[in-house]
PDB file of all heavy atoms in Angstrom:
ATOM      1  N   ARG A   1     103.004 108.377 115.379  1.00  0.00           N
ATOM      2  CA  ARG A   1     102.706 109.802 115.557  1.00  0.00           C
ATOM      3  C   ARG A   1     103.447 110.643 114.530  1.00  0.00           C
ATOM      4  O   ARG A   1     102.859 111.504 113.863  1.00  0.00           O
ATOM      5  CB  ARG A   1     103.074 110.253 116.976  1.00  0.00           C
ATOM      6  CG  ARG A   1     102.746 111.721 117.247  1.00  0.00           C
ATOM      7  CD  ARG A   1     103.515 112.271 118.433  1.00  0.00           C
ATOM      8  NE  ARG A   1     104.961 112.152 118.318  1.00  0.00           N
ATOM      9  CZ  ARG A   1     105.731 112.889 117.513  1.00  0.00           C
ATOM     10  NH1 ARG A   1     105.211 113.800 116.732  1.00  0.00           N
ATOM     11  NH2 ARG A   1     107.040 112.705 117.482  1.00  0.00           N
ATOM     12  N   LEU A   2     104.752 110.386 114.365  1.00  0.00           N
ATOM     13  CA  LEU A   2     105.545 111.148 113.405  1.00  0.00           C
ATOM     14  C   LEU A   2     105.090 110.881 111.977  1.00  0.00           C
ATOM     15  O   LEU A   2     105.005 111.802 111.159  1.00  0.00           O
ATOM     16  CB  LEU A   2     107.032 110.837 113.563  1.00  0.00           C
ATOM     17  CG  LEU A   2     107.981 111.596 112.626  1.00  0.00           C
ATOM     18  CD1 LEU A   2     107.836 113.115 112.790  1.00  0.00           C
ATOM     19  CD2 LEU A   2     109.424 111.161 112.872  1.00  0.00           C
ATOM     20  N   ALA A   3     104.774 109.633 111.660  1.00  0.00           N
ATOM     21  CA  ALA A   3     104.291 109.306 110.310  1.00  0.00           C
ATOM     22  C   ALA A   3     102.978 110.022 110.020  1.00  0.00           C
ATOM     23  O   ALA A   3     102.788 110.568 108.925  1.00  0.00           O
ATOM     24  CB  ALA A   3     104.136 107.798 110.154  1.00  0.00           C
ATOM     25  N   GLN A   4     102.069 110.038 110.986  1.00  0.00           N
ATOM     26  CA  GLN A   4     100.799 110.742 110.787  1.00  0.00           C
ATOM     27  C   GLN A   4     101.039 112.221 110.531  1.00  0.00           C
ATOM     28  O   GLN A   4     100.406 112.806 109.650  1.00  0.00           O
ATOM     29  CB  GLN A   4      99.883 110.572 112.006  1.00  0.00           C
ATOM     30  CG  GLN A   4      99.116 109.282 111.996  1.00  0.00           C
ATOM     31  CD  GLN A   4      98.052 109.245 113.069  1.00  0.00           C
ATOM     32  OE1 GLN A   4      98.323 108.805 114.180  1.00  0.00           O
ATOM     33  NE2 GLN A   4      96.858 109.682 112.730  1.00  0.00           N
ATOM     34  N   GLU A   5     101.946 112.784 111.281  1.00  0.00           N
ATOM     35  CA  GLU A   5     102.276 114.213 111.123  1.00  0.00           C
ATOM     36  C   GLU A   5     102.956 114.463 109.777  1.00  0.00           C
ATOM     37  O   GLU A   5     102.610 115.393 109.056  1.00  0.00           O
ATOM     38  CB  GLU A   5     103.200 114.611 112.284  1.00  0.00           C
ATOM     39  CG  GLU A   5     103.519 116.066 112.374  1.00  0.00           C
ATOM     40  CD  GLU A   5     104.415 116.314 113.581  1.00  0.00           C
ATOM     41  OE1 GLU A   5     103.923 116.156 114.726  1.00  0.00           O
ATOM     42  OE2 GLU A   5     105.604 116.637 113.375  1.00  0.00           O
ATOM     43  N   THR A   6     103.905 113.631 109.436  1.00  0.00           N
ATOM     44  CA  THR A   6     104.684 113.802 108.208  1.00  0.00           C
ATOM     45  C   THR A   6     103.841 113.610 106.957  1.00  0.00           C
ATOM     46  O   THR A   6     103.949 114.378 105.994  1.00  0.00           O
ATOM     47  CB  THR A   6     105.868 112.813 108.190  1.00  0.00           C
ATOM     48  OG1 THR A   6     106.679 113.034 109.346  1.00  0.00           O
ATOM     49  CG2 THR A   6     106.706 112.973 106.931  1.00  0.00           C
ATOM     50  N   TYR A   7     103.028 112.576 106.955  1.00  0.00           N
ATOM     51  CA  TYR A   7     102.277 112.214 105.747  1.00  0.00           C
ATOM     52  C   TYR A   7     100.819 112.657 105.789  1.00  0.00           C
ATOM     53  O   TYR A   7     100.062 112.362 104.877  1.00  0.00           O
ATOM     54  CB  TYR A   7     102.364 110.696 105.518  1.00  0.00           C
ATOM     55  CG  TYR A   7     103.785 110.224 105.358  1.00  0.00           C
ATOM     56  CD1 TYR A   7     104.392 109.439 106.330  1.00  0.00           C
ATOM     57  CD2 TYR A   7     104.544 110.606 104.249  1.00  0.00           C
ATOM     58  CE1 TYR A   7     105.715 109.019 106.191  1.00  0.00           C
ATOM     59  CE2 TYR A   7     105.861 110.190 104.106  1.00  0.00           C
ATOM     60  CZ  TYR A   7     106.435 109.395 105.084  1.00  0.00           C
ATOM     61  OH  TYR A   7     107.734 108.984 104.946  1.00  0.00           O
ATOM     62  N   ASP A   8     100.439 113.359 106.859  1.00  0.00           N
ATOM     63  CA  ASP A   8      99.071 113.859 107.010  1.00  0.00           C
ATOM     64  C   ASP A   8      98.050 112.728 106.914  1.00  0.00           C
ATOM     65  O   ASP A   8      97.050 112.830 106.205  1.00  0.00           O
ATOM     66  CB  ASP A   8      98.778 114.952 105.970  1.00  0.00           C
ATOM     67  CG  ASP A   8      97.539 115.755 106.323  1.00  0.00           C
ATOM     68  OD1 ASP A   8      97.230 115.893 107.526  1.00  0.00           O
ATOM     69  OD2 ASP A   8      96.846 116.219 105.395  1.00  0.00           O
ATOM     70  N   TRP A   9      98.327 111.650 107.647  1.00  0.00           N
ATOM     71  CA  TRP A   9      97.436 110.494 107.652  1.00  0.00           C
ATOM     72  C   TRP A   9      96.345 110.672 108.693  1.00  0.00           C
ATOM     73  O   TRP A   9      96.599 111.175 109.789  1.00  0.00           O
ATOM     74  CB  TRP A   9      98.191 109.225 108.027  1.00  0.00           C
ATOM     75  CG  TRP A   9      99.131 108.701 107.000  1.00  0.00           C
ATOM     76  CD1 TRP A   9      99.166 108.990 105.668  1.00  0.00           C
ATOM     77  CD2 TRP A   9     100.192 107.767 107.217  1.00  0.00           C
ATOM     78  NE1 TRP A   9     100.167 108.293 105.055  1.00  0.00           N
ATOM     79  CE2 TRP A   9     100.815 107.529 105.979  1.00  0.00           C
ATOM     80  CE3 TRP A   9     100.658 107.106 108.343  1.00  0.00           C
ATOM     81  CZ2 TRP A   9     101.883 106.655 105.835  1.00  0.00           C
ATOM     82  CZ3 TRP A   9     101.727 106.240 108.208  1.00  0.00           C
ATOM     83  CH2 TRP A   9     102.337 106.013 106.959  1.00  0.00           C
ATOM     84  N   ASP A  10      95.150 110.194 108.369  1.00  0.00           N
ATOM     85  CA  ASP A  10      94.107 110.096 109.381  1.00  0.00           C
ATOM     86  C   ASP A  10      94.356 108.816 110.180  1.00  0.00           C
ATOM     87  O   ASP A  10      95.266 108.030 109.863  1.00  0.00           O
ATOM     88  CB  ASP A  10      92.704 110.124 108.759  1.00  0.00           C
ATOM     89  CG  ASP A  10      92.460 109.005 107.754  1.00  0.00           C
ATOM     90  OD1 ASP A  10      93.157 107.958 107.786  1.00  0.00           O
ATOM     91  OD2 ASP A  10      91.560 109.169 106.914  1.00  0.00           O
ATOM     92  N   ASP A  11      93.552 108.581 111.222  1.00  0.00           N
ATOM     93  CA  ASP A  11      93.776 107.421 112.079  1.00  0.00           C
ATOM     94  C   ASP A  11      93.627 106.097 111.322  1.00  0.00           C
ATOM     95  O   ASP A  11      94.382 105.158 111.566  1.00  0.00           O
ATOM     96  CB  ASP A  11      92.818 107.439 113.275  1.00  0.00           C
ATOM     97  CG  ASP A  11      93.198 108.494 114.305  1.00  0.00           C
ATOM     98  OD1 ASP A  11      94.362 108.950 114.305  1.00  0.00           O
ATOM     99  OD2 ASP A  11      92.327 108.860 115.114  1.00  0.00           O
ATOM    100  N   ALA A  12      92.671 106.026 110.411  1.00  0.00           N
ATOM    101  CA  ALA A  12      92.451 104.779 109.654  1.00  0.00           C
ATOM    102  C   ALA A  12      93.658 104.454 108.780  1.00  0.00           C
ATOM    103  O   ALA A  12      94.091 103.295 108.697  1.00  0.00           O
ATOM    104  CB  ALA A  12      91.187 104.876 108.809  1.00  0.00           C
ATOM    105  N   THR A  13      94.223 105.455 108.129  1.00  0.00           N
ATOM    106  CA  THR A  13      95.405 105.241 107.295  1.00  0.00           C
ATOM    107  C   THR A  13      96.591 104.830 108.160  1.00  0.00           C
ATOM    108  O   THR A  13      97.351 103.927 107.805  1.00  0.00           O
ATOM    109  CB  THR A  13      95.727 106.495 106.473  1.00  0.00           C
ATOM    110  OG1 THR A  13      94.587 106.830 105.688  1.00  0.00           O
ATOM    111  CG2 THR A  13      96.940 106.284 105.572  1.00  0.00           C
ATOM    112  N   ALA A  14      96.748 105.479 109.310  1.00  0.00           N
ATOM    113  CA  ALA A  14      97.836 105.124 110.226  1.00  0.00           C
ATOM    114  C   ALA A  14      97.670 103.693 110.733  1.00  0.00           C
ATOM    115  O   ALA A  14      98.657 102.960 110.855  1.00  0.00           O
ATOM    116  CB  ALA A  14      97.895 106.105 111.384  1.00  0.00           C
ATOM    117  N   ASP A  15      96.431 103.290 111.021  1.00  0.00           N
ATOM    118  CA  ASP A  15      96.179 101.903 111.441  1.00  0.00           C
ATOM    119  C   ASP A  15      96.629 100.920 110.361  1.00  0.00           C
ATOM    120  O   ASP A  15      97.301  99.929 110.646  1.00  0.00           O
ATOM    121  CB  ASP A  15      94.685 101.669 111.701  1.00  0.00           C
ATOM    122  CG  ASP A  15      94.174 102.337 112.963  1.00  0.00           C
ATOM    123  OD1 ASP A  15      94.985 102.762 113.808  1.00  0.00           O
ATOM    124  OD2 ASP A  15      92.926 102.433 113.098  1.00  0.00           O
ATOM    125  N   THR A  16      96.249 101.202 109.112  1.00  0.00           N
ATOM    126  CA  THR A  16      96.615 100.335 107.989  1.00  0.00           C
ATOM    127  C   THR A  16      98.127 100.306 107.807  1.00  0.00           C
ATOM    128  O   THR A  16      98.723  99.234 107.625  1.00  0.00           O
ATOM    129  CB  THR A  16      95.934 100.806 106.695  1.00  0.00           C
ATOM    130  OG1 THR A  16      94.509 100.765 106.883  1.00  0.00           O
ATOM    131  CG2 THR A  16      96.306  99.927 105.507  1.00  0.00           C
ATOM    132  N   ALA A  17      98.762 101.470 107.866  1.00  0.00           N
ATOM    133  CA  ALA A  17     100.221 101.547 107.692  1.00  0.00           C
ATOM    134  C   ALA A  17     100.938 100.760 108.774  1.00  0.00           C
ATOM    135  O   ALA A  17     101.883 100.014 108.486  1.00  0.00           O
ATOM    136  CB  ALA A  17     100.670 103.007 107.701  1.00  0.00           C
ATOM    137  N   GLU A  18     100.499 100.913 110.002  1.00  0.00           N
ATOM    138  CA  GLU A  18     101.141 100.195 111.102  1.00  0.00           C
ATOM    139  C   GLU A  18     100.975  98.685 110.930  1.00  0.00           C
ATOM    140  O   GLU A  18     101.935  97.925 111.104  1.00  0.00           O
ATOM    141  CB  GLU A  18     100.557 100.642 112.441  1.00  0.00           C
ATOM    142  CG  GLU A  18     101.227  99.988 113.622  1.00  0.00           C
ATOM    143  CD  GLU A  18     100.736 100.497 114.959  1.00  0.00           C
ATOM    144  OE1 GLU A  18     100.207 101.624 115.045  1.00  0.00           O
ATOM    145  OE2 GLU A  18     100.894  99.744 115.940  1.00  0.00           O
ATOM    146  N   GLN A  19      99.778  98.241 110.576  1.00  0.00           N
ATOM    147  CA  GLN A  19      99.546  96.809 110.376  1.00  0.00           C
ATOM    148  C   GLN A  19     100.395  96.276 109.228  1.00  0.00           C
ATOM    149  O   GLN A  19     101.005  95.208 109.337  1.00  0.00           O
ATOM    150  CB  GLN A  19      98.071  96.522 110.106  1.00  0.00           C
ATOM    151  CG  GLN A  19      97.764  95.043 109.994  1.00  0.00           C
ATOM    152  CD  GLN A  19      98.088  94.284 111.270  1.00  0.00           C
ATOM    153  OE1 GLN A  19      97.695  94.706 112.361  1.00  0.00           O
ATOM    154  NE2 GLN A  19      98.801  93.180 111.161  1.00  0.00           N
ATOM    155  N   ARG A  20     100.464  97.010 108.142  1.00  0.00           N
ATOM    156  CA  ARG A  20     101.274  96.557 106.995  1.00  0.00           C
ATOM    157  C   ARG A  20     102.755  96.518 107.339  1.00  0.00           C
ATOM    158  O   ARG A  20     103.488  95.648 106.875  1.00  0.00           O
ATOM    159  CB  ARG A  20     101.012  97.438 105.778  1.00  0.00           C
ATOM    160  CG  ARG A  20      99.654  97.157 105.184  1.00  0.00           C
ATOM    161  CD  ARG A  20      99.399  97.895 103.926  1.00  0.00           C
ATOM    162  NE  ARG A  20      98.061  97.566 103.432  1.00  0.00           N
ATOM    163  CZ  ARG A  20      97.427  98.262 102.521  1.00  0.00           C
ATOM    164  NH1 ARG A  20      98.005  99.306 101.958  1.00  0.00           N
ATOM    165  NH2 ARG A  20      96.218  97.908 102.142  1.00  0.00           N
ATOM    166  N   TYR A  21     103.213  97.464 108.149  1.00  0.00           N
ATOM    167  CA  TYR A  21     104.619  97.466 108.566  1.00  0.00           C
ATOM    168  C   TYR A  21     104.897  96.261 109.469  1.00  0.00           C
ATOM    169  O   TYR A  21     105.904  95.567 109.292  1.00  0.00           O
ATOM    170  CB  TYR A  21     104.960  98.774 109.268  1.00  0.00           C
ATOM    171  CG  TYR A  21     106.408  98.906 109.670  1.00  0.00           C
ATOM    172  CD1 TYR A  21     107.437  98.783 108.736  1.00  0.00           C
ATOM    173  CD2 TYR A  21     106.762  99.176 110.990  1.00  0.00           C
ATOM    174  CE1 TYR A  21     108.773  98.908 109.104  1.00  0.00           C
ATOM    175  CE2 TYR A  21     108.088  99.314 111.367  1.00  0.00           C
ATOM    176  CZ  TYR A  21     109.090  99.175 110.426  1.00  0.00           C
ATOM    177  OH  TYR A  21     110.409  99.307 110.798  1.00  0.00           O
ATOM    178  N   ARG A  22     104.008  95.992 110.402  1.00  0.00           N
ATOM    179  CA  ARG A  22     104.186  94.828 111.274  1.00  0.00           C
ATOM    180  C   ARG A  22     104.178  93.543 110.441  1.00  0.00           C
ATOM    181  O   ARG A  22     105.018  92.661 110.654  1.00  0.00           O
ATOM    182  CB  ARG A  22     103.110  94.799 112.354  1.00  0.00           C
ATOM    183  CG  ARG A  22     103.273  95.888 113.397  1.00  0.00           C
ATOM    184  CD  ARG A  22     102.156  95.864 114.436  1.00  0.00           C
ATOM    185  NE  ARG A  22     102.194  97.014 115.305  1.00  0.00           N
ATOM    186  CZ  ARG A  22     102.984  97.158 116.371  1.00  0.00           C
ATOM    187  NH1 ARG A  22     103.831  96.197 116.692  1.00  0.00           N
ATOM    188  NH2 ARG A  22     102.932  98.253 117.104  1.00  0.00           N
ATOM    189  N   ASP A  23     103.238  93.430 109.507  1.00  0.00           N
ATOM    190  CA  ASP A  23     103.196  92.259 108.621  1.00  0.00           C
ATOM    191  C   ASP A  23     104.494  92.145 107.829  1.00  0.00           C
ATOM    192  O   ASP A  23     105.049  91.048 107.673  1.00  0.00           O
ATOM    193  CB  ASP A  23     102.020  92.349 107.645  1.00  0.00           C
ATOM    194  CG  ASP A  23     100.668  92.126 108.291  1.00  0.00           C
ATOM    195  OD1 ASP A  23     100.601  91.697 109.466  1.00  0.00           O
ATOM    196  OD2 ASP A  23      99.654  92.399 107.606  1.00  0.00           O
ATOM    197  N   PHE A  24     104.983  93.266 107.331  1.00  0.00           N
ATOM    198  CA  PHE A  24     106.222  93.271 106.563  1.00  0.00           C
ATOM    199  C   PHE A  24     107.400  92.768 107.401  1.00  0.00           C
ATOM    200  O   PHE A  24     108.204  91.949 106.941  1.00  0.00           O
ATOM    201  CB  PHE A  24     106.486  94.680 106.034  1.00  0.00           C
ATOM    202  CG  PHE A  24     107.801  94.832 105.345  1.00  0.00           C
ATOM    203  CD1 PHE A  24     108.041  94.213 104.135  1.00  0.00           C
ATOM    204  CD2 PHE A  24     108.803  95.600 105.902  1.00  0.00           C
ATOM    205  CE1 PHE A  24     109.268  94.341 103.491  1.00  0.00           C
ATOM    206  CE2 PHE A  24     110.027  95.742 105.263  1.00  0.00           C
ATOM    207  CZ  PHE A  24     110.261  95.111 104.065  1.00  0.00           C
ATOM    208  N   LEU A  25     107.497  93.235 108.648  1.00  0.00           N
ATOM    209  CA  LEU A  25     108.567  92.762 109.531  1.00  0.00           C
ATOM    210  C   LEU A  25     108.460  91.262 109.753  1.00  0.00           C
ATOM    211  O   LEU A  25     109.474  90.549 109.756  1.00  0.00           O
ATOM    212  CB  LEU A  25     108.510  93.507 110.874  1.00  0.00           C
ATOM    213  CG  LEU A  25     108.851  94.990 110.827  1.00  0.00           C
ATOM    214  CD1 LEU A  25     108.555  95.639 112.181  1.00  0.00           C
ATOM    215  CD2 LEU A  25     110.297  95.224 110.418  1.00  0.00           C
ATOM    216  N   TRP A  26     107.246  90.762 109.909  1.00  0.00           N
ATOM    217  CA  TRP A  26     107.027  89.336 110.113  1.00  0.00           C
ATOM    218  C   TRP A  26     107.429  88.536 108.867  1.00  0.00           C
ATOM    219  O   TRP A  26     108.063  87.488 108.961  1.00  0.00           O
ATOM    220  CB  TRP A  26     105.574  89.106 110.512  1.00  0.00           C
ATOM    221  CG  TRP A  26     105.188  87.694 110.789  1.00  0.00           C
ATOM    222  CD1 TRP A  26     104.168  87.020 110.194  1.00  0.00           C
ATOM    223  CD2 TRP A  26     105.778  86.781 111.724  1.00  0.00           C
ATOM    224  NE1 TRP A  26     104.094  85.740 110.696  1.00  0.00           N
ATOM    225  CE2 TRP A  26     105.070  85.564 111.632  1.00  0.00           C
ATOM    226  CE3 TRP A  26     106.838  86.860 112.614  1.00  0.00           C
ATOM    227  CZ2 TRP A  26     105.389  84.448 112.407  1.00  0.00           C
ATOM    228  CZ3 TRP A  26     107.164  85.752 113.382  1.00  0.00           C
ATOM    229  CH2 TRP A  26     106.444  84.574 113.278  1.00  0.00           C
ATOM    230  N   VAL A  27     107.084  89.045 107.697  1.00  0.00           N
ATOM    231  CA  VAL A  27     107.487  88.389 106.445  1.00  0.00           C
ATOM    232  C   VAL A  27     109.018  88.362 106.353  1.00  0.00           C
ATOM    233  O   VAL A  27     109.604  87.324 106.034  1.00  0.00           O
ATOM    234  CB  VAL A  27     106.872  89.088 105.217  1.00  0.00           C
ATOM    235  CG1 VAL A  27     107.501  88.587 103.917  1.00  0.00           C
ATOM    236  CG2 VAL A  27     105.361  88.873 105.170  1.00  0.00           C
ATOM    237  N   CYS A  28     109.653  89.490 106.625  1.00  0.00           N
ATOM    238  CA  CYS A  28     111.122  89.537 106.560  1.00  0.00           C
ATOM    239  C   CYS A  28     111.751  88.536 107.519  1.00  0.00           C
ATOM    240  O   CYS A  28     112.714  87.847 107.164  1.00  0.00           O
ATOM    241  CB  CYS A  28     111.621  90.947 106.866  1.00  0.00           C
ATOM    242  SG  CYS A  28     111.301  92.143 105.566  1.00  0.00           S
ATOM    243  N   PHE A  29     111.223  88.441 108.736  1.00  0.00           N
ATOM    244  CA  PHE A  29     111.761  87.469 109.694  1.00  0.00           C
ATOM    245  C   PHE A  29     111.662  86.048 109.142  1.00  0.00           C
ATOM    246  O   PHE A  29     112.601  85.264 109.223  1.00  0.00           O
ATOM    247  CB  PHE A  29     111.018  87.552 111.032  1.00  0.00           C
ATOM    248  CG  PHE A  29     111.318  86.397 111.946  1.00  0.00           C
ATOM    249  CD1 PHE A  29     112.519  86.342 112.647  1.00  0.00           C
ATOM    250  CD2 PHE A  29     110.425  85.346 112.082  1.00  0.00           C
ATOM    251  CE1 PHE A  29     112.813  85.258 113.474  1.00  0.00           C
ATOM    252  CE2 PHE A  29     110.707  84.257 112.900  1.00  0.00           C
ATOM    253  CZ  PHE A  29     111.907  84.219 113.597  1.00  0.00           C
ATOM    254  N   ASN A  30     110.527  85.713 108.592  1.00  0.00           N
ATOM    255  CA  ASN A  30     110.280  84.341 108.138  1.00  0.00           C
ATOM    256  C   ASN A  30     111.017  83.961 106.875  1.00  0.00           C
ATOM    257  O   ASN A  30     111.229  82.779 106.628  1.00  0.00           O
ATOM    258  CB  ASN A  30     108.776  84.129 107.944  1.00  0.00           C
ATOM    259  CG  ASN A  30     108.091  83.847 109.236  1.00  0.00           C
ATOM    260  OD1 ASN A  30     108.098  82.728 109.715  1.00  0.00           O
ATOM    261  ND2 ASN A  30     107.538  84.886 109.843  1.00  0.00           N
ATOM    262  N   PHE A  31     111.402  84.939 106.076  1.00  0.00           N
ATOM    263  CA  PHE A  31     112.013  84.605 104.795  1.00  0.00           C
ATOM    264  C   PHE A  31     113.436  85.116 104.654  1.00  0.00           C
ATOM    265  O   PHE A  31     113.957  85.181 103.554  1.00  0.00           O
ATOM    266  CB  PHE A  31     111.107  85.064 103.640  1.00  0.00           C
ATOM    267  CG  PHE A  31     109.817  84.305 103.634  1.00  0.00           C
ATOM    268  CD1 PHE A  31     108.680  84.844 104.181  1.00  0.00           C
ATOM    269  CD2 PHE A  31     109.779  83.007 103.146  1.00  0.00           C
ATOM    270  CE1 PHE A  31     107.499  84.123 104.224  1.00  0.00           C
ATOM    271  CE2 PHE A  31     108.604  82.269 103.181  1.00  0.00           C
ATOM    272  CZ  PHE A  31     107.463  82.839 103.719  1.00  0.00           C
ATOM    273  N   ALA A  32     114.078  85.439 105.778  1.00  0.00           N
ATOM    274  CA  ALA A  32     115.496  85.783 105.749  1.00  0.00           C
ATOM    275  C   ALA A  32     116.275  84.517 105.396  1.00  0.00           C
ATOM    276  O   ALA A  32     116.125  83.504 106.047  1.00  0.00           O
ATOM    277  CB  ALA A  32     115.943  86.338 107.092  1.00  0.00           C
ATOM    278  N   VAL A  33     117.082  84.600 104.365  1.00  0.00           N
ATOM    279  CA  VAL A  33     117.856  83.443 103.918  1.00  0.00           C
ATOM    280  C   VAL A  33     119.321  83.847 103.858  1.00  0.00           C
ATOM    281  O   VAL A  33     119.660  84.823 103.205  1.00  0.00           O
ATOM    282  CB  VAL A  33     117.392  82.972 102.516  1.00  0.00           C
ATOM    283  CG1 VAL A  33     118.236  81.815 102.046  1.00  0.00           C
ATOM    284  CG2 VAL A  33     115.921  82.592 102.551  1.00  0.00           C
ATOM    285  N   GLY A  34     120.161  83.089 104.546  1.00  0.00           N
ATOM    286  CA  GLY A  34     121.586  83.406 104.521  1.00  0.00           C
ATOM    287  C   GLY A  34     121.834  84.802 105.056  1.00  0.00           C
ATOM    288  O   GLY A  34     121.336  85.180 106.094  1.00  0.00           O
ATOM    289  N   GLU A  35     122.572  85.571 104.316  1.00  0.00           N
ATOM    290  CA  GLU A  35     122.940  86.909 104.765  1.00  0.00           C
ATOM    291  C   GLU A  35     121.922  87.984 104.407  1.00  0.00           C
ATOM    292  O   GLU A  35     121.896  89.026 105.000  1.00  0.00           O
ATOM    293  CB  GLU A  35     124.302  87.305 104.183  1.00  0.00           C
ATOM    294  CG  GLU A  35     125.449  86.548 104.793  1.00  0.00           C
ATOM    295  CD  GLU A  35     125.571  86.805 106.280  1.00  0.00           C
ATOM    296  OE1 GLU A  35     125.644  87.976 106.690  1.00  0.00           O
ATOM    297  OE2 GLU A  35     125.590  85.836 107.045  1.00  0.00           O
ATOM    298  N   THR A  36     121.122  87.762 103.378  1.00  0.00           N
ATOM    299  CA  THR A  36     120.185  88.811 102.983  1.00  0.00           C
ATOM    300  C   THR A  36     118.830  88.230 102.616  1.00  0.00           C
ATOM    301  O   THR A  36     118.706  87.056 102.298  1.00  0.00           O
ATOM    302  CB  THR A  36     120.685  89.602 101.753  1.00  0.00           C
ATOM    303  OG1 THR A  36     120.753  88.727 100.638  1.00  0.00           O
ATOM    304  CG2 THR A  36     122.027  90.243 102.004  1.00  0.00           C
ATOM    305  N   THR A  37     117.846  89.062 102.680  1.00  0.00           N
ATOM    306  CA  THR A  37     116.543  88.724 102.153  1.00  0.00           C
ATOM    307  C   THR A  37     115.981  89.978 101.516  1.00  0.00           C
ATOM    308  O   THR A  37     116.246  91.072 101.974  1.00  0.00           O
ATOM    309  CB  THR A  37     115.588  88.189 103.230  1.00  0.00           C
ATOM    310  OG1 THR A  37     114.363  87.807 102.595  1.00  0.00           O
ATOM    311  CG2 THR A  37     115.270  89.214 104.286  1.00  0.00           C
ATOM    312  N   MET A  38     115.247  89.833 100.460  1.00  0.00           N
ATOM    313  CA  MET A  38     114.613  90.975  99.821  1.00  0.00           C
ATOM    314  C   MET A  38     113.126  90.698  99.768  1.00  0.00           C
ATOM    315  O   MET A  38     112.707  89.595  99.419  1.00  0.00           O
ATOM    316  CB  MET A  38     115.143  91.175  98.402  1.00  0.00           C
ATOM    317  CG  MET A  38     116.617  91.451  98.350  1.00  0.00           C
ATOM    318  SD  MET A  38     116.905  93.182  98.097  1.00  0.00           S
ATOM    319  CE  MET A  38     118.611  93.188  97.648  1.00  0.00           C
ATOM    320  N   THR A  39     112.348  91.645 100.140  1.00  0.00           N
ATOM    321  CA  THR A  39     110.914  91.477 100.180  1.00  0.00           C
ATOM    322  C   THR A  39     110.249  92.729  99.636  1.00  0.00           C
ATOM    323  O   THR A  39     110.628  93.829  99.995  1.00  0.00           O
ATOM    324  CB  THR A  39     110.433  91.253 101.632  1.00  0.00           C
ATOM    325  OG1 THR A  39     111.184  90.196 102.205  1.00  0.00           O
ATOM    326  CG2 THR A  39     108.974  90.915 101.683  1.00  0.00           C
TER     327      THR A  39
END
């Protein structure tokens, strides 16, 4: 909700952003090595 308000996103853009953020979190979880990971 805040991202849509802040960035003036329509629902389709917000859907894409949310999916990409979830995918990003999943990538970070899977490729965390030692103390840090960069993605």
